[in-house]
Amino acid sequence: MFDLDFGGSVVDTPGLRLFKLWDVGSDDLAPLLPELRPHVGQCQFGLDCTHSHEPGCAIKAAVENGGVTVRRYESYLDMKEYFNL
């Protein structure tokens, strides 16, 4: 594993073709992302918000006001879809 100067790490895994999150449900993903964590539970629908289409979503509001980057939010949505969360 190689730490990156700007944060995060890269794991060199020759031959590995698939990455899976173990024991992570749909409610568990957003809190794993540091940028999203402060907004979890602040939505109109509380912890039942999927952060994709509901009105009053604190994470979508953070994206709109620049508190969370569009790229990071889209990455979150892609992970939810890819991992069927």
PDB file of N, CA and C in Angstrom:
ATOM      1  N   MET A   1       0.850  -1.162   0.000  1.00  0.00           N
ATOM      2  CA  MET A   1       0.000   0.000   0.000  1.00  0.00           C
ATOM      3  C   MET A   1       0.901   1.233   0.000  1.00  0.00           C
ATOM      4  N   PHE A   2       0.538   2.196  -0.831  1.00  0.00           N
ATOM      5  CA  PHE A   2       1.300   3.424  -0.956  1.00  0.00           C
ATOM      6  C   PHE A   2       0.430   4.602  -0.542  1.00  0.00           C
ATOM      7  N   ASP A   3       0.880   5.365   0.458  1.00  0.00           N
ATOM      8  CA  ASP A   3       0.149   6.553   0.891  1.00  0.00           C
ATOM      9  C   ASP A   3       0.390   7.685  -0.094  1.00  0.00           C
ATOM     10  N   LEU A   4      -0.661   8.437  -0.387  1.00  0.00           N
ATOM     11  CA  LEU A   4      -0.569   9.572  -1.298  1.00  0.00           C
ATOM     12  C   LEU A   4      -0.372  10.860  -0.505  1.00  0.00           C
ATOM     13  N   ASP A   5       0.413  11.778  -1.030  1.00  0.00           N
ATOM     14  CA  ASP A   5       0.704  13.032  -0.334  1.00  0.00           C
ATOM     15  C   ASP A   5      -0.549  13.843  -0.043  1.00  0.00           C
ATOM     16  N   PHE A   6      -1.557  13.764  -0.901  1.00  0.00           N
ATOM     17  CA  PHE A   6      -2.761  14.572  -0.748  1.00  0.00           C
ATOM     18  C   PHE A   6      -3.871  13.828  -0.018  1.00  0.00           C
ATOM     19  N   GLY A   7      -3.557  12.670   0.536  1.00  0.00           N
ATOM     20  CA  GLY A   7      -4.534  11.879   1.274  1.00  0.00           C
ATOM     21  C   GLY A   7      -4.927  10.631   0.517  1.00  0.00           C
ATOM     22  N   GLY A   8      -5.253   9.608   1.251  1.00  0.00           N
ATOM     23  CA  GLY A   8      -5.653   8.350   0.647  1.00  0.00           C
ATOM     24  C   GLY A   8      -4.464   7.449   0.391  1.00  0.00           C
ATOM     25  N   SER A   9      -4.753   6.329  -0.180  1.00  0.00           N
ATOM     26  CA  SER A   9      -3.726   5.332  -0.452  1.00  0.00           C
ATOM     27  C   SER A   9      -4.044   4.606  -1.743  1.00  0.00           C
ATOM     28  N   VAL A  10      -3.027   4.004  -2.300  1.00  0.00           N
ATOM     29  CA  VAL A  10      -3.177   3.162  -3.479  1.00  0.00           C
ATOM     30  C   VAL A  10      -2.619   1.794  -3.110  1.00  0.00           C
ATOM     31  N   VAL A  11      -3.374   0.762  -3.433  1.00  0.00           N
ATOM     32  CA  VAL A  11      -2.930  -0.597  -3.148  1.00  0.00           C
ATOM     33  C   VAL A  11      -2.576  -1.252  -4.474  1.00  0.00           C
ATOM     34  N   ASP A  12      -1.347  -1.750  -4.574  1.00  0.00           N
ATOM     35  CA  ASP A  12      -0.891  -2.438  -5.778  1.00  0.00           C
ATOM     36  C   ASP A  12      -1.232  -3.912  -5.619  1.00  0.00           C
ATOM     37  N   THR A  13      -2.193  -4.361  -6.398  1.00  0.00           N
ATOM     38  CA  THR A  13      -2.649  -5.744  -6.299  1.00  0.00           C
ATOM     39  C   THR A  13      -2.645  -6.378  -7.684  1.00  0.00           C
ATOM     40  N   PRO A  14      -1.487  -6.836  -8.155  1.00  0.00           N
ATOM     41  CA  PRO A  14      -1.409  -7.435  -9.480  1.00  0.00           C
ATOM     42  C   PRO A  14      -2.409  -8.570  -9.653  1.00  0.00           C
ATOM     43  N   GLY A  15      -3.150  -8.519 -10.738  1.00  0.00           N
ATOM     44  CA  GLY A  15      -4.090  -9.576 -11.057  1.00  0.00           C
ATOM     45  C   GLY A  15      -5.463  -9.422 -10.433  1.00  0.00           C
ATOM     46  N   LEU A  16      -5.611  -8.530  -9.470  1.00  0.00           N
ATOM     47  CA  LEU A  16      -6.915  -8.327  -8.844  1.00  0.00           C
ATOM     48  C   LEU A  16      -7.809  -7.555  -9.790  1.00  0.00           C
ATOM     49  N   ARG A  17      -8.981  -8.093 -10.074  1.00  0.00           N
ATOM     50  CA  ARG A  17      -9.868  -7.471 -11.054  1.00  0.00           C
ATOM     51  C   ARG A  17     -11.143  -6.923 -10.437  1.00  0.00           C
ATOM     52  N   LEU A  18     -11.437  -7.276  -9.195  1.00  0.00           N
ATOM     53  CA  LEU A  18     -12.694  -6.858  -8.596  1.00  0.00           C
ATOM     54  C   LEU A  18     -12.470  -6.460  -7.152  1.00  0.00           C
ATOM     55  N   PHE A  19     -13.077  -5.370  -6.781  1.00  0.00           N
ATOM     56  CA  PHE A  19     -13.013  -4.865  -5.421  1.00  0.00           C
ATOM     57  C   PHE A  19     -14.424  -4.913  -4.851  1.00  0.00           C
ATOM     58  N   LYS A  20     -14.581  -5.399  -3.651  1.00  0.00           N
ATOM     59  CA  LYS A  20     -15.903  -5.484  -3.023  1.00  0.00           C
ATOM     60  C   LYS A  20     -15.825  -4.964  -1.609  1.00  0.00           C
ATOM     61  N   LEU A  21     -16.856  -4.260  -1.195  1.00  0.00           N
ATOM     62  CA  LEU A  21     -16.969  -3.824   0.189  1.00  0.00           C
ATOM     63  C   LEU A  21     -17.701  -4.921   0.960  1.00  0.00           C
ATOM     64  N   TRP A  22     -17.081  -5.444   2.005  1.00  0.00           N
ATOM     65  CA  TRP A  22     -17.676  -6.513   2.788  1.00  0.00           C
ATOM     66  C   TRP A  22     -18.467  -5.930   3.944  1.00  0.00           C
ATOM     67  N   ASP A  23     -19.632  -6.493   4.185  1.00  0.00           N
ATOM     68  CA  ASP A  23     -20.473  -6.102   5.315  1.00  0.00           C
ATOM     69  C   ASP A  23     -20.804  -4.616   5.330  1.00  0.00           C
ATOM     70  N   VAL A  24     -20.996  -4.029   4.159  1.00  0.00           N
ATOM     71  CA  VAL A  24     -21.393  -2.632   4.046  1.00  0.00           C
ATOM     72  C   VAL A  24     -22.761  -2.591   3.388  1.00  0.00           C
ATOM     73  N   GLY A  25     -23.740  -2.059   4.115  1.00  0.00           N
ATOM     74  CA  GLY A  25     -25.076  -1.915   3.575  1.00  0.00           C
ATOM     75  C   GLY A  25     -25.281  -0.507   3.047  1.00  0.00           C
ATOM     76  N   SER A  26     -26.450  -0.243   2.494  1.00  0.00           N
ATOM     77  CA  SER A  26     -26.719   1.066   1.899  1.00  0.00           C
ATOM     78  C   SER A  26     -26.628   2.182   2.929  1.00  0.00           C
ATOM     79  N   ASP A  27     -26.968   1.896   4.181  1.00  0.00           N
ATOM     80  CA  ASP A  27     -26.896   2.922   5.226  1.00  0.00           C
ATOM     81  C   ASP A  27     -25.471   3.163   5.704  1.00  0.00           C
ATOM     82  N   ASP A  28     -24.572   2.256   5.387  1.00  0.00           N
ATOM     83  CA  ASP A  28     -23.203   2.337   5.890  1.00  0.00           C
ATOM     84  C   ASP A  28     -22.249   3.099   4.986  1.00  0.00           C
ATOM     85  N   LEU A  29     -22.595   3.277   3.724  1.00  0.00           N
ATOM     86  CA  LEU A  29     -21.646   3.831   2.764  1.00  0.00           C
ATOM     87  C   LEU A  29     -21.355   5.311   2.986  1.00  0.00           C
ATOM     88  N   ALA A  30     -22.370   6.148   3.088  1.00  0.00           N
ATOM     89  CA  ALA A  30     -22.152   7.594   3.223  1.00  0.00           C
ATOM     90  C   ALA A  30     -21.271   7.941   4.425  1.00  0.00           C
ATOM     91  N   PRO A  31     -21.470   7.325   5.606  1.00  0.00           N
ATOM     92  CA  PRO A  31     -20.600   7.647   6.734  1.00  0.00           C
ATOM     93  C   PRO A  31     -19.139   7.248   6.535  1.00  0.00           C
ATOM     94  N   LEU A  32     -18.877   6.355   5.575  1.00  0.00           N
ATOM     95  CA  LEU A  32     -17.495   5.957   5.302  1.00  0.00           C
ATOM     96  C   LEU A  32     -16.726   7.024   4.532  1.00  0.00           C
ATOM     97  N   LEU A  33     -17.444   7.948   3.902  1.00  0.00           N
ATOM     98  CA  LEU A  33     -16.800   9.000   3.118  1.00  0.00           C
ATOM     99  C   LEU A  33     -16.704  10.263   3.972  1.00  0.00           C
ATOM    100  N   PRO A  34     -15.495  10.700   4.310  1.00  0.00           N
ATOM    101  CA  PRO A  34     -15.317  11.824   5.244  1.00  0.00           C
ATOM    102  C   PRO A  34     -16.084  13.084   4.859  1.00  0.00           C
ATOM    103  N   GLU A  35     -16.218  13.360   3.569  1.00  0.00           N
ATOM    104  CA  GLU A  35     -16.904  14.572   3.140  1.00  0.00           C
ATOM    105  C   GLU A  35     -18.405  14.495   3.388  1.00  0.00           C
ATOM    106  N   LEU A  36     -18.955  13.290   3.344  1.00  0.00           N
ATOM    107  CA  LEU A  36     -20.391  13.100   3.513  1.00  0.00           C
ATOM    108  C   LEU A  36     -20.788  12.898   4.971  1.00  0.00           C
ATOM    109  N   ARG A  37     -19.884  12.382   5.771  1.00  0.00           N
ATOM    110  CA  ARG A  37     -20.176  12.000   7.154  1.00  0.00           C
ATOM    111  C   ARG A  37     -20.874  13.103   7.964  1.00  0.00           C
ATOM    112  N   PRO A  38     -20.452  14.373   7.898  1.00  0.00           N
ATOM    113  CA  PRO A  38     -21.115  15.397   8.729  1.00  0.00           C
ATOM    114  C   PRO A  38     -22.581  15.634   8.364  1.00  0.00           C
ATOM    115  N   HIS A  39     -22.981  15.233   7.179  1.00  0.00           N
ATOM    116  CA  HIS A  39     -24.339  15.494   6.702  1.00  0.00           C
ATOM    117  C   HIS A  39     -25.289  14.313   6.921  1.00  0.00           C
ATOM    118  N   VAL A  40     -24.745  13.155   7.257  1.00  0.00           N
ATOM    119  CA  VAL A  40     -25.555  11.957   7.464  1.00  0.00           C
ATOM    120  C   VAL A  40     -26.462  12.177   8.682  1.00  0.00           C
ATOM    121  N   GLY A  41     -27.741  11.879   8.507  1.00  0.00           N
ATOM    122  CA  GLY A  41     -28.707  12.051   9.584  1.00  0.00           C
ATOM    123  C   GLY A  41     -29.320  13.435   9.659  1.00  0.00           C
ATOM    124  N   GLN A  42     -28.827  14.364   8.831  1.00  0.00           N
ATOM    125  CA  GLN A  42     -29.322  15.740   8.832  1.00  0.00           C
ATOM    126  C   GLN A  42     -30.411  15.970   7.793  1.00  0.00           C
ATOM    127  N   CYS A  43     -30.769  14.945   7.065  1.00  0.00           N
ATOM    128  CA  CYS A  43     -31.752  15.055   5.986  1.00  0.00           C
ATOM    129  C   CYS A  43     -33.176  15.106   6.538  1.00  0.00           C
ATOM    130  N   GLN A  44     -34.095  15.573   5.710  1.00  0.00           N
ATOM    131  CA  GLN A  44     -35.507  15.628   6.082  1.00  0.00           C
ATOM    132  C   GLN A  44     -36.013  14.250   6.516  1.00  0.00           C
ATOM    133  N   PHE A  45     -35.547  13.199   5.853  1.00  0.00           N
ATOM    134  CA  PHE A  45     -35.976  11.851   6.187  1.00  0.00           C
ATOM    135  C   PHE A  45     -34.971  11.141   7.088  1.00  0.00           C
ATOM    136  N   GLY A  46     -34.098  11.888   7.708  1.00  0.00           N
ATOM    137  CA  GLY A  46     -33.133  11.334   8.658  1.00  0.00           C
ATOM    138  C   GLY A  46     -32.259  10.264   8.048  1.00  0.00           C
ATOM    139  N   LEU A  47     -32.095   9.190   8.773  1.00  0.00           N
ATOM    140  CA  LEU A  47     -31.227   8.102   8.314  1.00  0.00           C
ATOM    141  C   LEU A  47     -31.865   7.253   7.223  1.00  0.00           C
ATOM    142  N   ASP A  48     -33.136   7.495   6.903  1.00  0.00           N
ATOM    143  CA  ASP A  48     -33.807   6.759   5.828  1.00  0.00           C
ATOM    144  C   ASP A  48     -33.559   7.372   4.453  1.00  0.00           C
ATOM    145  N   CYS A  49     -32.876   8.488   4.384  1.00  0.00           N
ATOM    146  CA  CYS A  49     -32.591   9.160   3.113  1.00  0.00           C
ATOM    147  C   CYS A  49     -31.558   8.354   2.326  1.00  0.00           C
ATOM    148  N   THR A  50     -31.804   8.177   1.033  1.00  0.00           N
ATOM    149  CA  THR A  50     -30.842   7.469   0.181  1.00  0.00           C
ATOM    150  C   THR A  50     -29.855   8.436  -0.455  1.00  0.00           C
ATOM    151  N   HIS A  51     -30.088   9.736  -0.286  1.00  0.00           N
ATOM    152  CA  HIS A  51     -29.217  10.793  -0.815  1.00  0.00           C
ATOM    153  C   HIS A  51     -29.171  10.788  -2.336  1.00  0.00           C
ATOM    154  N   SER A  52     -30.248  10.319  -2.948  1.00  0.00           N
ATOM    155  CA  SER A  52     -30.269  10.293  -4.408  1.00  0.00           C
ATOM    156  C   SER A  52     -31.430  11.079  -5.000  1.00  0.00           C
ATOM    157  N   HIS A  53     -32.614  11.037  -4.368  1.00  0.00           N
ATOM    158  CA  HIS A  53     -33.769  11.684  -4.987  1.00  0.00           C
ATOM    159  C   HIS A  53     -34.709  12.379  -3.995  1.00  0.00           C
ATOM    160  N   GLU A  54     -34.520  12.183  -2.706  1.00  0.00           N
ATOM    161  CA  GLU A  54     -35.443  12.718  -1.723  1.00  0.00           C
ATOM    162  C   GLU A  54     -35.314  14.236  -1.566  1.00  0.00           C
ATOM    163  N   PRO A  55     -36.440  14.914  -1.327  1.00  0.00           N
ATOM    164  CA  PRO A  55     -36.368  16.342  -0.999  1.00  0.00           C
ATOM    165  C   PRO A  55     -35.784  16.498   0.404  1.00  0.00           C
ATOM    166  N   GLY A  56     -35.118  17.598   0.639  1.00  0.00           N
ATOM    167  CA  GLY A  56     -34.574  17.862   1.960  1.00  0.00           C
ATOM    168  C   GLY A  56     -33.334  17.073   2.300  1.00  0.00           C
ATOM    169  N   CYS A  57     -32.625  16.591   1.295  1.00  0.00           N
ATOM    170  CA  CYS A  57     -31.405  15.808   1.527  1.00  0.00           C
ATOM    171  C   CYS A  57     -30.248  16.755   1.856  1.00  0.00           C
ATOM    172  N   ALA A  58     -29.634  16.557   3.009  1.00  0.00           N
ATOM    173  CA  ALA A  58     -28.530  17.409   3.445  1.00  0.00           C
ATOM    174  C   ALA A  58     -27.285  17.216   2.581  1.00  0.00           C
ATOM    175  N   ILE A  59     -27.075  16.013   2.089  1.00  0.00           N
ATOM    176  CA  ILE A  59     -25.901  15.761   1.247  1.00  0.00           C
ATOM    177  C   ILE A  59     -26.070  16.442  -0.103  1.00  0.00           C
ATOM    178  N   LYS A  60     -27.262  16.336  -0.703  1.00  0.00           N
ATOM    179  CA  LYS A  60     -27.495  17.024  -1.974  1.00  0.00           C
ATOM    180  C   LYS A  60     -27.396  18.535  -1.778  1.00  0.00           C
ATOM    181  N   ALA A  61     -27.860  19.055  -0.639  1.00  0.00           N
ATOM    182  CA  ALA A  61     -27.739  20.486  -0.351  1.00  0.00           C
ATOM    183  C   ALA A  61     -26.272  20.884  -0.224  1.00  0.00           C
ATOM    184  N   ALA A  62     -25.466  20.030   0.394  1.00  0.00           N
ATOM    185  CA  ALA A  62     -24.034  20.312   0.533  1.00  0.00           C
ATOM    186  C   ALA A  62     -23.352  20.342  -0.832  1.00  0.00           C
ATOM    187  N   VAL A  63     -23.810  19.497  -1.745  1.00  0.00           N
ATOM    188  CA  VAL A  63     -23.261  19.511  -3.110  1.00  0.00           C
ATOM    189  C   VAL A  63     -23.636  20.830  -3.783  1.00  0.00           C
ATOM    190  N   GLU A  64     -24.883  21.241  -3.626  1.00  0.00           N
ATOM    191  CA  GLU A  64     -25.348  22.476  -4.255  1.00  0.00           C
ATOM    192  C   GLU A  64     -24.636  23.716  -3.722  1.00  0.00           C
ATOM    193  N   ASN A  65     -24.278  23.725  -2.431  1.00  0.00           N
ATOM    194  CA  ASN A  65     -23.606  24.909  -1.876  1.00  0.00           C
ATOM    195  C   ASN A  65     -22.086  24.799  -1.867  1.00  0.00           C
ATOM    196  N   GLY A  66     -21.553  23.736  -2.456  1.00  0.00           N
ATOM    197  CA  GLY A  66     -20.103  23.600  -2.589  1.00  0.00           C
ATOM    198  C   GLY A  66     -19.409  22.938  -1.417  1.00  0.00           C
ATOM    199  N   GLY A  67     -20.157  22.467  -0.424  1.00  0.00           N
ATOM    200  CA  GLY A  67     -19.549  21.798   0.726  1.00  0.00           C
ATOM    201  C   GLY A  67     -19.054  20.395   0.400  1.00  0.00           C
ATOM    202  N   VAL A  68     -19.634  19.795  -0.621  1.00  0.00           N
ATOM    203  CA  VAL A  68     -19.217  18.480  -1.130  1.00  0.00           C
ATOM    204  C   VAL A  68     -19.083  18.636  -2.635  1.00  0.00           C
ATOM    205  N   THR A  69     -17.991  18.152  -3.186  1.00  0.00           N
ATOM    206  CA  THR A  69     -17.800  18.294  -4.630  1.00  0.00           C
ATOM    207  C   THR A  69     -18.756  17.391  -5.400  1.00  0.00           C
ATOM    208  N   VAL A  70     -19.131  17.849  -6.579  1.00  0.00           N
ATOM    209  CA  VAL A  70     -20.002  17.057  -7.453  1.00  0.00           C
ATOM    210  C   VAL A  70     -19.327  15.723  -7.765  1.00  0.00           C
ATOM    211  N   ARG A  71     -18.042  15.762  -7.995  1.00  0.00           N
ATOM    212  CA  ARG A  71     -17.307  14.536  -8.327  1.00  0.00           C
ATOM    213  C   ARG A  71     -17.395  13.507  -7.206  1.00  0.00           C
ATOM    214  N   ARG A  72     -17.256  13.963  -5.964  1.00  0.00           N
ATOM    215  CA  ARG A  72     -17.313  13.037  -4.828  1.00  0.00           C
ATOM    216  C   ARG A  72     -18.728  12.478  -4.658  1.00  0.00           C
ATOM    217  N   TYR A  73     -19.732  13.330  -4.838  1.00  0.00           N
ATOM    218  CA  TYR A  73     -21.118  12.883  -4.736  1.00  0.00           C
ATOM    219  C   TYR A  73     -21.436  11.858  -5.828  1.00  0.00           C
ATOM    220  N   GLU A  74     -21.005  12.130  -7.045  1.00  0.00           N
ATOM    221  CA  GLU A  74     -21.235  11.186  -8.142  1.00  0.00           C
ATOM    222  C   GLU A  74     -20.501   9.874  -7.892  1.00  0.00           C
ATOM    223  N   SER A  75     -19.320   9.953  -7.293  1.00  0.00           N
ATOM    224  CA  SER A  75     -18.576   8.743  -6.938  1.00  0.00           C
ATOM    225  C   SER A  75     -19.362   7.925  -5.920  1.00  0.00           C
ATOM    226  N   TYR A  76     -19.958   8.597  -4.944  1.00  0.00           N
ATOM    227  CA  TYR A  76     -20.801   7.926  -3.949  1.00  0.00           C
ATOM    228  C   TYR A  76     -21.968   7.209  -4.632  1.00  0.00           C
ATOM    229  N   LEU A  77     -22.658   7.913  -5.532  1.00  0.00           N
ATOM    230  CA  LEU A  77     -23.789   7.301  -6.236  1.00  0.00           C
ATOM    231  C   LEU A  77     -23.334   6.121  -7.092  1.00  0.00           C
ATOM    232  N   ASP A  78     -22.181   6.259  -7.740  1.00  0.00           N
ATOM    233  CA  ASP A  78     -21.644   5.158  -8.553  1.00  0.00           C
ATOM    234  C   ASP A  78     -21.334   3.935  -7.689  1.00  0.00           C
ATOM    235  N   MET A  79     -20.757   4.166  -6.507  1.00  0.00           N
ATOM    236  CA  MET A  79     -20.450   3.047  -5.610  1.00  0.00           C
ATOM    237  C   MET A  79     -21.728   2.358  -5.155  1.00  0.00           C
ATOM    238  N   LYS A  80     -22.751   3.151  -4.830  1.00  0.00           N
ATOM    239  CA  LYS A  80     -24.027   2.554  -4.420  1.00  0.00           C
ATOM    240  C   LYS A  80     -24.581   1.656  -5.522  1.00  0.00           C
ATOM    241  N   GLU A  81     -24.507   2.132  -6.751  1.00  0.00           N
ATOM    242  CA  GLU A  81     -25.024   1.354  -7.874  1.00  0.00           C
ATOM    243  C   GLU A  81     -24.149   0.121  -8.139  1.00  0.00           C
ATOM    244  N   TYR A  82     -22.839   0.321  -8.165  1.00  0.00           N
ATOM    245  CA  TYR A  82     -21.925  -0.772  -8.479  1.00  0.00           C
ATOM    246  C   TYR A  82     -22.029  -1.910  -7.465  1.00  0.00           C
ATOM    247  N   PHE A  83     -22.115  -1.535  -6.199  1.00  0.00           N
ATOM    248  CA  PHE A  83     -22.169  -2.536  -5.145  1.00  0.00           C
ATOM    249  C   PHE A  83     -23.600  -2.937  -4.781  1.00  0.00           C
ATOM    250  N   ASN A  84     -24.570  -2.452  -5.590  1.00  0.00           N
ATOM    251  CA  ASN A  84     -25.983  -2.771  -5.377  1.00  0.00           C
ATOM    252  C   ASN A  84     -26.435  -2.449  -3.955  1.00  0.00           C
ATOM    253  N   LEU A  85     -26.076  -1.262  -3.502  1.00  0.00           N
ATOM    254  CA  LEU A  85     -26.463  -0.849  -2.138  1.00  0.00           C
ATOM    255  C   LEU A  85     -27.711  -0.005  -2.189  1.00  0.00           C
TER     256      LEU A  85
END
